Protein backbone atom coordinates (compact mmCIF):
# COMPACT_ATOMS: atom_id res chain seq x y z
CA MET A 1 18.85 -3.12 -11.21
CA THR A 2 17.17 -4.64 -14.47
CA THR A 3 13.49 -3.84 -15.21
CA ARG A 4 12.55 -7.50 -15.00
CA LYS A 5 13.98 -7.77 -11.35
CA THR A 6 12.23 -4.42 -10.40
CA GLY A 7 9.05 -5.85 -11.41
CA ARG A 8 9.53 -9.06 -9.41
CA ILE A 9 10.52 -7.11 -6.19
CA VAL A 10 7.38 -4.85 -6.70
CA GLY A 11 5.28 -8.03 -6.99
CA ALA A 12 7.07 -9.58 -3.88
CA LEU A 13 6.24 -6.35 -1.89
CA ILE A 14 2.65 -6.33 -2.97
CA LEU A 15 2.38 -9.83 -1.58
CA ALA A 16 4.26 -9.16 1.40
CA GLY A 17 1.93 -6.68 2.24
CA PHE A 18 -1.04 -8.87 2.67
CA PHE A 19 1.08 -11.28 5.17
CA LEU A 20 2.35 -7.92 6.95
CA TYR A 21 -0.81 -6.27 7.45
CA GLY A 22 -2.91 -9.34 7.91
CA GLY A 23 -0.60 -10.76 10.52
CA GLY A 24 -0.12 -7.82 12.57
CA SER A 25 -3.97 -7.10 12.54
CA PHE A 26 -4.34 -10.65 13.67
CA LEU A 27 -1.81 -10.34 16.48
CA ILE A 28 -3.53 -7.28 17.51
CA ALA A 29 -6.85 -8.46 17.35
CA SER A 30 -5.92 -11.76 19.23
CA ALA A 31 -4.52 -9.62 21.98
CA THR A 32 -7.19 -7.06 22.32
CA GLY A 33 -10.25 -8.55 20.77
CA THR A 34 -12.53 -5.96 19.71
CA ALA A 35 -11.44 -3.30 22.19
CA THR A 36 -9.06 -0.33 21.39
CA PRO A 37 -5.57 -1.78 20.83
CA VAL A 38 -3.65 0.05 23.85
CA PRO A 39 -1.63 -1.67 26.49
CA GLU A 40 -4.44 -1.96 29.32
CA ASN A 41 -6.71 -3.91 26.96
CA ALA A 42 -4.38 -6.35 25.74
CA THR A 43 -3.89 -9.68 27.33
CA SER A 44 -0.46 -10.06 25.71
CA LEU A 45 1.59 -6.91 25.46
CA GLY A 46 4.22 -9.21 23.14
CA LYS A 47 1.44 -9.79 20.75
CA LEU A 48 0.42 -6.33 20.73
CA SER A 49 4.12 -4.91 20.16
CA ALA A 50 4.64 -7.86 17.47
CA GLY A 51 1.51 -6.81 15.53
CA ALA A 52 2.41 -3.11 15.73
CA VAL A 53 5.85 -3.93 14.59
CA LEU A 54 4.19 -6.10 11.36
CA LEU A 55 2.03 -3.09 10.54
CA LEU A 56 5.11 -0.77 10.62
CA LEU A 57 7.02 -2.77 8.15
CA ASN A 58 3.84 -2.69 5.85
CA SER A 59 3.90 0.96 6.06
CA VAL A 60 7.38 1.36 4.04
CA ALA A 61 6.50 3.06 0.85
CA ALA A 62 9.08 0.91 -1.18
CA ILE A 63 6.83 0.13 -3.86
CA GLY A 64 6.57 3.76 -4.76
CA VAL A 65 10.28 4.47 -4.79
CA LEU A 66 10.52 1.35 -7.30
CA VAL A 67 7.66 2.24 -9.48
CA LEU A 68 9.41 5.88 -9.94
CA GLY A 69 12.32 4.37 -11.48
CA VAL A 70 10.22 2.28 -13.82
CA LEU A 71 7.64 4.98 -15.07
CA ARG A 72 9.57 8.43 -14.55
CA ARG A 73 10.94 8.36 -18.12
CA ASP A 74 7.64 8.21 -20.02
CA HIS A 75 5.11 8.63 -17.31
CA ARG A 76 6.82 11.30 -14.86
CA ARG A 77 3.81 12.99 -13.42
CA THR A 78 2.03 9.52 -12.74
CA ALA A 79 5.24 8.26 -11.10
CA HIS A 80 5.62 11.12 -8.85
CA THR A 81 1.87 11.13 -8.04
CA TYR A 82 1.99 7.36 -7.01
CA LEU A 83 4.83 7.83 -4.86
CA VAL A 84 3.25 10.80 -3.25
CA THR A 85 0.21 8.79 -2.55
CA ARG A 86 2.07 5.63 -1.30
CA THR A 87 4.11 7.92 0.92
CA VAL A 88 0.85 9.51 2.37
CA GLU A 89 -0.54 5.76 2.76
CA GLY A 90 2.52 4.80 4.63
CA VAL A 91 2.42 7.59 7.03
CA LEU A 92 -1.16 7.41 7.94
CA LEU A 93 -0.90 3.66 8.38
CA ALA A 94 2.10 3.89 10.64
CA LEU A 95 0.32 6.41 13.19
CA ALA A 96 -1.74 3.68 14.89
CA PRO A 97 1.29 0.98 15.49
CA LEU A 98 3.60 4.07 16.28
CA GLY A 99 1.09 4.94 19.09
CA MET A 100 0.64 1.30 20.28
CA LEU A 101 4.39 0.93 20.72
CA THR A 102 4.90 4.08 22.40
CA LEU A 103 2.22 3.30 25.03
CA VAL A 104 3.83 -0.06 25.47
CA LEU A 105 7.22 1.49 26.08
CA LEU A 106 5.81 4.16 28.45
CA ASP A 107 4.03 1.47 30.35
CA HIS A 108 6.86 -1.19 30.29
CA GLY A 109 7.66 -2.14 33.90
CA GLY A 110 4.91 0.14 35.35
CA ALA A 111 6.50 3.29 34.33
CA ARG A 112 4.68 6.25 35.25
CA THR A 113 3.82 9.18 32.82
CA SER A 114 3.34 11.99 35.50
CA SER A 115 5.56 14.63 33.81
CA ALA A 116 3.98 16.99 31.26
CA THR A 117 6.30 15.74 28.53
CA ASP A 118 5.47 12.01 29.11
CA SER A 119 1.64 12.95 29.54
CA GLY A 120 1.53 14.80 26.32
CA LEU A 121 3.20 11.87 24.52
CA ALA A 122 0.95 9.28 25.91
CA GLY A 123 -2.06 11.57 24.98
CA LEU A 124 -0.96 11.75 21.31
CA ALA A 125 -0.03 8.14 21.16
CA ARG A 126 -3.37 7.02 22.50
CA THR A 127 -5.23 9.23 20.08
CA ALA A 128 -3.36 7.76 17.21
CA ALA A 129 -4.25 4.24 18.38
CA GLU A 130 -7.86 5.04 18.88
CA HIS A 131 -8.13 6.52 15.59
CA GLY A 132 -6.15 3.85 13.53
CA GLN A 133 -9.28 2.68 11.59
CA SER A 134 -10.18 6.30 10.45
CA ALA A 135 -6.49 6.63 9.50
CA TYR A 136 -6.68 3.41 7.56
CA TRP A 137 -9.70 4.46 5.54
CA VAL A 138 -8.30 7.97 4.76
CA ALA A 139 -4.86 6.10 3.57
CA MET A 140 -7.00 3.58 1.35
CA ALA A 141 -8.67 6.45 -0.16
CA ALA A 142 -5.38 8.36 -1.11
CA LEU A 143 -3.90 5.01 -2.33
CA GLY A 144 -6.97 4.00 -4.50
CA VAL A 145 -7.08 7.63 -6.22
CA GLY A 146 -3.21 7.34 -6.84
CA SER A 147 -3.49 3.52 -8.06
CA ILE A 148 -6.21 4.66 -10.58
CA PHE A 149 -3.67 6.72 -12.50
CA PHE A 150 -0.65 4.21 -11.77
CA CYS A 151 -2.62 1.38 -13.45
CA ALA A 152 -3.58 3.61 -16.25
CA ALA A 153 -0.15 4.28 -16.97
CA LEU A 154 0.54 0.54 -16.92
CA LEU A 155 -2.22 0.08 -19.47
CA ARG A 156 -0.62 2.71 -21.79
CA SER A 157 2.70 1.58 -21.42
CA GLY A 158 1.98 -2.06 -21.82
CA LEU A 159 3.85 -2.79 -18.38
CA LEU A 160 0.87 -5.43 -17.62
CA PRO A 161 -1.33 -7.23 -19.70
CA ARG A 162 -4.40 -5.06 -21.03
CA LEU A 163 -7.15 -6.87 -19.13
CA LEU A 164 -4.94 -6.93 -15.81
CA ALA A 165 -4.43 -3.09 -16.19
CA VAL A 166 -8.15 -2.49 -16.78
CA TRP A 167 -9.00 -4.49 -13.63
CA GLY A 168 -6.70 -2.42 -11.74
CA VAL A 169 -8.22 0.77 -12.86
CA VAL A 170 -11.71 -0.57 -12.10
CA GLY A 171 -10.96 -2.12 -8.78
CA TYR A 172 -9.05 0.90 -7.40
CA ALA A 173 -11.96 3.18 -8.60
CA VAL A 174 -14.31 1.04 -6.70
CA PHE A 175 -11.91 0.68 -3.70
CA ALA A 176 -11.35 4.36 -3.45
CA PHE A 177 -15.09 4.98 -3.59
CA GLY A 178 -15.78 2.56 -0.95
CA SER A 179 -13.03 3.98 1.41
CA VAL A 180 -14.91 7.44 1.06
CA LEU A 181 -18.18 5.81 1.92
CA GLU A 182 -16.79 4.00 4.79
CA LEU A 183 -15.39 7.24 6.13
CA ALA A 184 -18.97 8.62 5.66
CA GLY A 185 -20.22 6.10 7.98
CA TYR A 186 -21.72 3.57 5.23
CA GLY A 187 -19.77 0.29 6.35
CA VAL A 188 -19.15 -0.96 2.84
CA GLY A 189 -15.55 -0.11 2.62
CA LEU A 190 -14.33 -3.99 3.18
CA ALA A 191 -16.90 -5.24 0.63
CA LEU A 192 -15.79 -2.59 -2.00
CA SER A 193 -12.22 -3.39 -1.36
CA VAL A 194 -12.49 -7.10 -2.73
CA PRO A 195 -12.01 -5.96 -6.67
CA GLY A 196 -8.88 -3.94 -5.79
CA GLY A 197 -7.57 -6.66 -3.28
CA LEU A 198 -7.88 -9.48 -5.85
CA PHE A 199 -6.19 -7.34 -8.43
CA GLU A 200 -3.29 -6.92 -6.17
CA LEU A 201 -3.12 -10.57 -5.21
CA THR A 202 -3.14 -11.52 -8.89
CA ALA A 203 -0.75 -8.86 -10.18
CA GLY A 204 1.47 -9.65 -7.41
CA ILE A 205 1.93 -13.35 -8.39
CA PHE A 206 1.99 -12.24 -12.00
CA LEU A 207 4.90 -9.89 -11.31
CA VAL A 208 6.90 -12.50 -9.10
CA VAL A 209 6.77 -14.93 -12.06
CA LYS A 210 7.20 -12.68 -15.16
CA GLY A 211 8.43 -9.20 -14.07
CA PHE A 212 8.63 -6.08 -16.12
CA ARG A 213 10.52 -6.17 -19.52
CA GLN A 214 11.73 -3.43 -21.98
CA THR A 215 11.69 -4.28 -25.62
CA MET A 216 11.95 -2.31 -28.62
CA PRO A 217 8.54 -1.71 -30.62
CA GLN A 218 7.37 -4.12 -33.17
CA ALA A 219 6.57 -3.23 -36.72
CA ASP A 220 2.98 -2.43 -35.92
CA ASP A 221 4.31 -0.10 -33.15
CA ALA A 222 6.88 1.61 -34.99
CA PRO A 223 6.64 5.43 -35.25
CA ARG A 224 5.77 6.95 -38.67
CA SER A 225 8.24 8.71 -40.72
CA GLY A 226 9.62 12.05 -38.85
CA SER A 227 8.77 10.64 -35.46
CA SER A 228 11.08 10.12 -32.76
CA ALA A 229 12.03 6.46 -31.86
CA ALA A 230 9.50 4.94 -29.03
CA VAL A 231 10.11 2.40 -26.50
CA VAL A 232 7.38 0.07 -25.63
CA TRP A 233 7.27 -1.28 -21.99
CA THR A 234 5.79 -4.95 -21.94
CA VAL A 235 5.48 -7.39 -19.05
CA SER A 236 7.71 -10.43 -19.94
CA GLY A 237 6.02 -13.33 -21.81
CA ALA A 238 2.70 -11.18 -22.10
CA GLY A 239 0.91 -11.82 -25.42
CA THR A 240 -0.17 -9.13 -27.75
């Protein structure tokens, strides 16, 4: 797969996350309102299940895998760190929808959960569903920290235009800080997620259109005598 195509897929996945998580959250909210998202509070098990499936699809850490392939040559540590944080995010975000789906399956057709195994599974599933918001903010804090280093690598390598990469560093720093404050009970996480969210939207559109491109260094970037040849990564069509 070419670097440009990888960039376009990354951009498409970033944008898809808005639709998957937003659509899943909307379906779950329409089924349960402000109540805990469990079957007994749902007006429609179909909406609850469909929303949980969309949230699960959003949890796939494909972006981290694709970024690993692009950055591991020159930014190996950052690439692996980002993959780890994306994986942590995906696992944490998957807990609540998995809990919802498990409860729906256990309750389907009036199934009883009298056995010790079923009762224990139901208890774990209910706990996951009830603590979905806390898991979400822990996931966002982890993603925010990992994405700071990721955007810094994009800035150094030229994979994104300088202004866009700097926006990402600042936006994710604010996002991570807001997530920690949200977990501490200050209720500012949503407001402080706006800069990072707008960055993801802008970067996603940019990457879908432009993709990533690998080019040889220009004269100004050429290494001095005795230095090894360097490869400069730039975004297709980005100005210098």
